[in-house]
Amino acid sequence: MMAELVNSGIQPLQNLQVLNHVEQALHGDRKAWATHWIVKGLTALETLAAETAGTFLVGEHPSVADICLVPQLYSARRFGIEVSSFGLLTRVESACNELPAFQNAHADRQSDAVPTR
């Protein structure tokens, strides 16, 4: 359920095709659009995770929910969203980021990553 919340309830609303449509066809503010849906989704995820979280979103072992969480928080920051209010989610993210699999999969470590200064 938590993975699907990110996978179908947050991420598709911030992808490039949707943001371009919001901006070009609807003359809307793509950042405001993305921010609205990301914050709404992370708020719901934080509430759901409060019932199941241990070290990770669902207990003591990483799950698909954690695999969805980490890049979603990365994306939230990319849109300038302050994620510190999502204490449980950022705590889980920190636990994930200690694992080699998550370190190797980090967006900034990918071959097509845009270098940061």
N, C-alpha and C. Protein backbone atom coordinates (compact mmCIF):
# COMPACT_ATOMS: atom_id res chain seq x y z
N MET A 1 0.82 -1.19 0.00
CA MET A 1 0.00 0.00 0.00
C MET A 1 0.87 1.27 0.00
N MET A 2 1.91 1.31 0.83
CA MET A 2 2.75 2.51 0.89
C MET A 2 3.53 2.71 -0.40
N ALA A 3 4.02 1.63 -0.96
CA ALA A 3 4.75 1.74 -2.23
C ALA A 3 3.82 2.28 -3.31
N GLU A 4 2.60 1.79 -3.35
CA GLU A 4 1.64 2.26 -4.35
C GLU A 4 1.24 3.71 -4.14
N LEU A 5 1.21 4.15 -2.90
CA LEU A 5 0.90 5.56 -2.63
C LEU A 5 1.92 6.44 -3.36
N VAL A 6 3.20 6.07 -3.26
CA VAL A 6 4.24 6.84 -3.96
C VAL A 6 4.18 6.57 -5.46
N ASN A 7 4.14 5.30 -5.81
CA ASN A 7 4.21 4.87 -7.20
C ASN A 7 3.07 5.39 -8.06
N SER A 8 1.88 5.45 -7.51
CA SER A 8 0.74 5.88 -8.33
C SER A 8 0.08 7.16 -7.84
N GLY A 9 0.34 7.56 -6.61
CA GLY A 9 -0.33 8.73 -6.07
C GLY A 9 0.51 9.99 -6.00
N ILE A 10 1.83 9.85 -6.08
CA ILE A 10 2.70 11.03 -6.03
C ILE A 10 3.52 11.14 -7.32
N GLN A 11 4.32 10.14 -7.60
CA GLN A 11 5.30 10.22 -8.68
C GLN A 11 4.70 10.59 -10.04
N PRO A 12 3.61 9.96 -10.48
CA PRO A 12 3.11 10.31 -11.82
C PRO A 12 2.69 11.78 -11.95
N LEU A 13 2.32 12.40 -10.85
CA LEU A 13 1.86 13.79 -10.90
C LEU A 13 3.01 14.78 -10.98
N GLN A 14 4.24 14.31 -10.84
CA GLN A 14 5.40 15.20 -10.93
C GLN A 14 6.30 14.85 -12.09
N ASN A 15 5.88 13.90 -12.94
CA ASN A 15 6.77 13.56 -14.06
C ASN A 15 6.75 14.66 -15.11
N LEU A 16 7.76 14.66 -15.95
CA LEU A 16 7.97 15.75 -16.90
C LEU A 16 6.79 15.98 -17.83
N GLN A 17 6.19 14.91 -18.33
CA GLN A 17 5.06 15.06 -19.25
C GLN A 17 3.89 15.77 -18.58
N VAL A 18 3.59 15.41 -17.35
CA VAL A 18 2.50 16.07 -16.63
C VAL A 18 2.85 17.52 -16.34
N LEU A 19 4.06 17.77 -15.88
CA LEU A 19 4.45 19.15 -15.57
C LEU A 19 4.43 20.04 -16.80
N ASN A 20 4.87 19.51 -17.93
CA ASN A 20 4.81 20.29 -19.17
C ASN A 20 3.38 20.60 -19.55
N HIS A 21 2.48 19.65 -19.37
CA HIS A 21 1.06 19.87 -19.69
C HIS A 21 0.47 20.95 -18.77
N VAL A 22 0.76 20.83 -17.48
CA VAL A 22 0.26 21.83 -16.52
C VAL A 22 0.72 23.23 -16.93
N GLU A 23 1.98 23.34 -17.31
CA GLU A 23 2.54 24.64 -17.66
C GLU A 23 2.08 25.14 -19.02
N GLN A 24 2.16 24.29 -20.04
CA GLN A 24 1.92 24.74 -21.41
C GLN A 24 0.44 24.76 -21.78
N ALA A 25 -0.27 23.70 -21.49
CA ALA A 25 -1.68 23.64 -21.91
C ALA A 25 -2.61 24.32 -20.91
N LEU A 26 -2.29 24.20 -19.63
CA LEU A 26 -3.18 24.75 -18.61
C LEU A 26 -2.70 26.09 -18.06
N HIS A 27 -1.50 26.51 -18.49
CA HIS A 27 -0.90 27.77 -18.05
C HIS A 27 -0.80 27.86 -16.53
N GLY A 28 -0.49 26.71 -15.93
CA GLY A 28 -0.35 26.64 -14.48
C GLY A 28 1.10 26.68 -14.05
N ASP A 29 1.27 26.71 -12.77
CA ASP A 29 2.59 26.75 -12.14
C ASP A 29 3.02 25.32 -11.84
N ARG A 30 3.97 24.83 -12.62
CA ARG A 30 4.39 23.43 -12.48
C ARG A 30 4.97 23.14 -11.11
N LYS A 31 5.71 24.08 -10.51
CA LYS A 31 6.30 23.85 -9.19
C LYS A 31 5.21 23.79 -8.13
N ALA A 32 4.24 24.69 -8.21
CA ALA A 32 3.13 24.68 -7.25
C ALA A 32 2.33 23.38 -7.37
N TRP A 33 2.11 22.94 -8.59
CA TRP A 33 1.40 21.68 -8.83
C TRP A 33 2.14 20.52 -8.18
N ALA A 34 3.42 20.39 -8.50
CA ALA A 34 4.22 19.29 -7.97
C ALA A 34 4.29 19.36 -6.45
N THR A 35 4.52 20.53 -5.92
CA THR A 35 4.62 20.71 -4.47
C THR A 35 3.34 20.26 -3.78
N HIS A 36 2.21 20.66 -4.32
CA HIS A 36 0.92 20.27 -3.73
C HIS A 36 0.80 18.75 -3.61
N TRP A 37 1.06 18.04 -4.71
CA TRP A 37 0.86 16.59 -4.71
C TRP A 37 1.93 15.85 -3.93
N ILE A 38 3.14 16.35 -3.95
CA ILE A 38 4.20 15.70 -3.18
C ILE A 38 3.93 15.84 -1.68
N VAL A 39 3.61 17.04 -1.23
CA VAL A 39 3.35 17.26 0.20
C VAL A 39 2.13 16.46 0.65
N LYS A 40 1.09 16.47 -0.16
CA LYS A 40 -0.12 15.71 0.19
C LYS A 40 0.21 14.22 0.31
N GLY A 41 0.97 13.70 -0.64
CA GLY A 41 1.32 12.29 -0.62
C GLY A 41 2.25 11.92 0.52
N LEU A 42 3.26 12.75 0.77
CA LEU A 42 4.18 12.46 1.88
C LEU A 42 3.47 12.55 3.23
N THR A 43 2.52 13.45 3.34
CA THR A 43 1.73 13.55 4.57
C THR A 43 0.95 12.25 4.80
N ALA A 44 0.33 11.75 3.76
CA ALA A 44 -0.41 10.47 3.87
C ALA A 44 0.54 9.32 4.18
N LEU A 45 1.70 9.31 3.54
CA LEU A 45 2.68 8.25 3.77
C LEU A 45 3.18 8.28 5.21
N GLU A 46 3.46 9.44 5.73
CA GLU A 46 3.90 9.57 7.13
C GLU A 46 2.84 9.01 8.08
N THR A 47 1.59 9.30 7.80
CA THR A 47 0.49 8.81 8.64
C THR A 47 0.41 7.28 8.58
N LEU A 48 0.45 6.72 7.38
CA LEU A 48 0.40 5.26 7.23
C LEU A 48 1.60 4.58 7.89
N ALA A 49 2.77 5.15 7.69
CA ALA A 49 3.99 4.53 8.21
C ALA A 49 4.04 4.54 9.73
N ALA A 50 3.34 5.46 10.35
CA ALA A 50 3.32 5.52 11.82
C ALA A 50 2.77 4.23 12.41
N GLU A 51 1.97 3.51 11.65
CA GLU A 51 1.36 2.27 12.13
C GLU A 51 2.25 1.04 11.92
N THR A 52 3.27 1.14 11.05
CA THR A 52 4.03 -0.05 10.67
C THR A 52 5.54 0.10 10.81
N ALA A 53 6.02 1.30 10.98
CA ALA A 53 7.46 1.55 10.91
C ALA A 53 8.22 0.93 12.08
N GLY A 54 9.38 0.45 11.70
CA GLY A 54 10.42 0.08 12.65
C GLY A 54 11.62 0.90 12.21
N THR A 55 12.69 0.23 11.92
CA THR A 55 13.84 0.90 11.32
C THR A 55 13.48 1.39 9.92
N PHE A 56 12.64 0.61 9.24
CA PHE A 56 12.20 0.94 7.88
C PHE A 56 10.69 1.17 7.89
N LEU A 57 10.11 1.47 6.75
CA LEU A 57 8.68 1.80 6.72
C LEU A 57 7.79 0.68 7.20
N VAL A 58 8.22 -0.55 6.93
CA VAL A 58 7.43 -1.71 7.36
C VAL A 58 8.35 -2.64 8.14
N GLY A 59 8.57 -2.30 9.39
CA GLY A 59 9.36 -3.18 10.24
C GLY A 59 10.86 -2.95 10.17
N GLU A 60 11.58 -4.08 10.34
CA GLU A 60 13.03 -4.01 10.51
C GLU A 60 13.84 -4.34 9.27
N HIS A 61 13.18 -4.57 8.16
CA HIS A 61 13.89 -4.90 6.92
C HIS A 61 13.38 -3.99 5.80
N PRO A 62 14.27 -3.57 4.90
CA PRO A 62 13.83 -2.73 3.78
C PRO A 62 12.79 -3.46 2.93
N SER A 63 11.89 -2.69 2.37
CA SER A 63 10.85 -3.23 1.50
C SER A 63 10.71 -2.34 0.26
N VAL A 64 9.82 -2.71 -0.60
CA VAL A 64 9.55 -1.91 -1.79
C VAL A 64 9.11 -0.50 -1.39
N ALA A 65 8.43 -0.39 -0.27
CA ALA A 65 8.01 0.94 0.19
C ALA A 65 9.22 1.85 0.41
N ASP A 66 10.29 1.31 0.99
CA ASP A 66 11.50 2.10 1.21
C ASP A 66 12.18 2.45 -0.11
N ILE A 67 12.14 1.51 -1.04
CA ILE A 67 12.72 1.74 -2.37
C ILE A 67 11.99 2.89 -3.07
N CYS A 68 10.71 3.03 -2.82
CA CYS A 68 9.95 4.15 -3.40
C CYS A 68 10.16 5.44 -2.61
N LEU A 69 10.30 5.33 -1.30
CA LEU A 69 10.45 6.51 -0.45
C LEU A 69 11.70 7.32 -0.77
N VAL A 70 12.83 6.66 -0.85
CA VAL A 70 14.11 7.38 -0.97
C VAL A 70 14.15 8.29 -2.21
N PRO A 71 13.83 7.80 -3.40
CA PRO A 71 13.85 8.72 -4.54
C PRO A 71 12.75 9.77 -4.49
N GLN A 72 11.63 9.47 -3.80
CA GLN A 72 10.58 10.48 -3.70
C GLN A 72 11.03 11.63 -2.82
N LEU A 73 11.74 11.35 -1.75
CA LEU A 73 12.27 12.44 -0.92
C LEU A 73 13.34 13.22 -1.68
N TYR A 74 14.14 12.53 -2.48
CA TYR A 74 15.13 13.21 -3.33
C TYR A 74 14.40 14.18 -4.27
N SER A 75 13.33 13.71 -4.87
CA SER A 75 12.56 14.55 -5.79
C SER A 75 11.91 15.72 -5.05
N ALA A 76 11.41 15.47 -3.87
CA ALA A 76 10.80 16.56 -3.09
C ALA A 76 11.81 17.67 -2.86
N ARG A 77 13.02 17.30 -2.50
CA ARG A 77 14.06 18.30 -2.28
C ARG A 77 14.40 19.04 -3.58
N ARG A 78 14.38 18.31 -4.68
CA ARG A 78 14.65 18.92 -5.98
C ARG A 78 13.63 20.02 -6.29
N PHE A 79 12.41 19.86 -5.82
CA PHE A 79 11.37 20.87 -6.01
C PHE A 79 11.40 21.94 -4.92
N GLY A 80 12.38 21.85 -4.02
CA GLY A 80 12.52 22.85 -2.96
C GLY A 80 11.61 22.65 -1.78
N ILE A 81 11.09 21.44 -1.63
CA ILE A 81 10.19 21.14 -0.51
C ILE A 81 11.02 20.82 0.72
N GLU A 82 10.69 21.46 1.82
CA GLU A 82 11.36 21.21 3.09
C GLU A 82 10.78 19.91 3.67
N VAL A 83 11.58 18.89 3.76
CA VAL A 83 11.09 17.58 4.18
C VAL A 83 11.32 17.29 5.67
N SER A 84 11.92 18.22 6.39
CA SER A 84 12.23 17.96 7.80
C SER A 84 10.97 17.76 8.64
N SER A 85 9.83 18.25 8.18
CA SER A 85 8.59 18.04 8.94
C SER A 85 8.10 16.60 8.86
N PHE A 86 8.67 15.83 7.96
CA PHE A 86 8.34 14.41 7.83
C PHE A 86 9.40 13.60 8.57
N GLY A 87 9.39 13.72 9.89
CA GLY A 87 10.43 13.13 10.72
C GLY A 87 10.56 11.63 10.58
N LEU A 88 9.47 10.93 10.54
CA LEU A 88 9.53 9.48 10.40
C LEU A 88 10.10 9.09 9.04
N LEU A 89 9.66 9.76 8.01
CA LEU A 89 10.13 9.44 6.66
C LEU A 89 11.61 9.74 6.50
N THR A 90 12.08 10.86 7.02
CA THR A 90 13.49 11.18 6.89
C THR A 90 14.36 10.29 7.77
N ARG A 91 13.82 9.82 8.89
CA ARG A 91 14.55 8.86 9.72
C ARG A 91 14.73 7.55 8.98
N VAL A 92 13.67 7.09 8.34
CA VAL A 92 13.74 5.86 7.54
C VAL A 92 14.70 6.05 6.37
N GLU A 93 14.62 7.21 5.73
CA GLU A 93 15.54 7.50 4.63
C GLU A 93 16.99 7.38 5.10
N SER A 94 17.29 7.91 6.25
CA SER A 94 18.66 7.83 6.79
C SER A 94 19.08 6.38 7.00
N ALA A 95 18.18 5.56 7.51
CA ALA A 95 18.48 4.13 7.70
C ALA A 95 18.74 3.47 6.35
N CYS A 96 17.94 3.80 5.36
CA CYS A 96 18.13 3.25 4.01
C CYS A 96 19.48 3.67 3.45
N ASN A 97 19.83 4.93 3.64
CA ASN A 97 21.06 5.47 3.07
C ASN A 97 22.32 4.89 3.69
N GLU A 98 22.18 4.16 4.78
CA GLU A 98 23.32 3.46 5.37
C GLU A 98 23.62 2.14 4.67
N LEU A 99 22.68 1.67 3.86
CA LEU A 99 22.83 0.38 3.19
C LEU A 99 23.52 0.55 1.83
N PRO A 100 24.50 -0.31 1.52
CA PRO A 100 25.22 -0.20 0.24
C PRO A 100 24.30 -0.20 -0.98
N ALA A 101 23.24 -0.99 -0.98
CA ALA A 101 22.35 -1.03 -2.14
C ALA A 101 21.73 0.34 -2.41
N PHE A 102 21.32 1.02 -1.35
CA PHE A 102 20.74 2.36 -1.51
C PHE A 102 21.82 3.37 -1.90
N GLN A 103 23.01 3.24 -1.34
CA GLN A 103 24.11 4.14 -1.69
C GLN A 103 24.43 4.00 -3.18
N ASN A 104 24.51 2.78 -3.67
CA ASN A 104 24.84 2.55 -5.08
C ASN A 104 23.74 3.00 -6.02
N ALA A 105 22.50 2.98 -5.56
CA ALA A 105 21.36 3.35 -6.41
C ALA A 105 21.03 4.84 -6.33
N HIS A 106 21.72 5.59 -5.50
CA HIS A 106 21.41 7.01 -5.32
C HIS A 106 21.44 7.74 -6.68
N ALA A 107 20.50 8.63 -6.87
CA ALA A 107 20.37 9.35 -8.14
C ALA A 107 21.65 10.07 -8.55
N ASP A 108 22.36 10.62 -7.61
CA ASP A 108 23.58 11.36 -7.94
C ASP A 108 24.73 10.46 -8.38
N ARG A 109 24.59 9.16 -8.16
CA ARG A 109 25.66 8.22 -8.53
C ARG A 109 25.41 7.55 -9.88
N GLN A 110 24.33 7.90 -10.56
CA GLN A 110 24.00 7.27 -11.81
C GLN A 110 24.79 7.91 -12.97
N SER A 111 25.01 7.13 -14.00
CA SER A 111 25.84 7.59 -15.11
C SER A 111 25.26 8.82 -15.82
N ASP A 112 23.97 9.02 -15.76
CA ASP A 112 23.36 10.18 -16.43
C ASP A 112 23.05 11.32 -15.47
N ALA A 113 23.57 11.24 -14.24
CA ALA A 113 23.32 12.29 -13.26
C ALA A 113 23.98 13.60 -13.69
N VAL A 114 23.26 14.68 -13.46
CA VAL A 114 23.80 15.99 -13.74
C VAL A 114 24.74 16.36 -12.58
N PRO A 115 25.98 16.68 -12.88
CA PRO A 115 26.93 17.01 -11.80
C PRO A 115 26.45 18.23 -11.02
N THR A 116 26.61 18.16 -9.68
CA THR A 116 26.28 19.29 -8.85
C THR A 116 27.56 20.02 -8.47
N ARG A 117 27.42 21.26 -8.16
CA ARG A 117 28.60 22.07 -7.81
C ARG A 117 28.85 22.03 -6.35
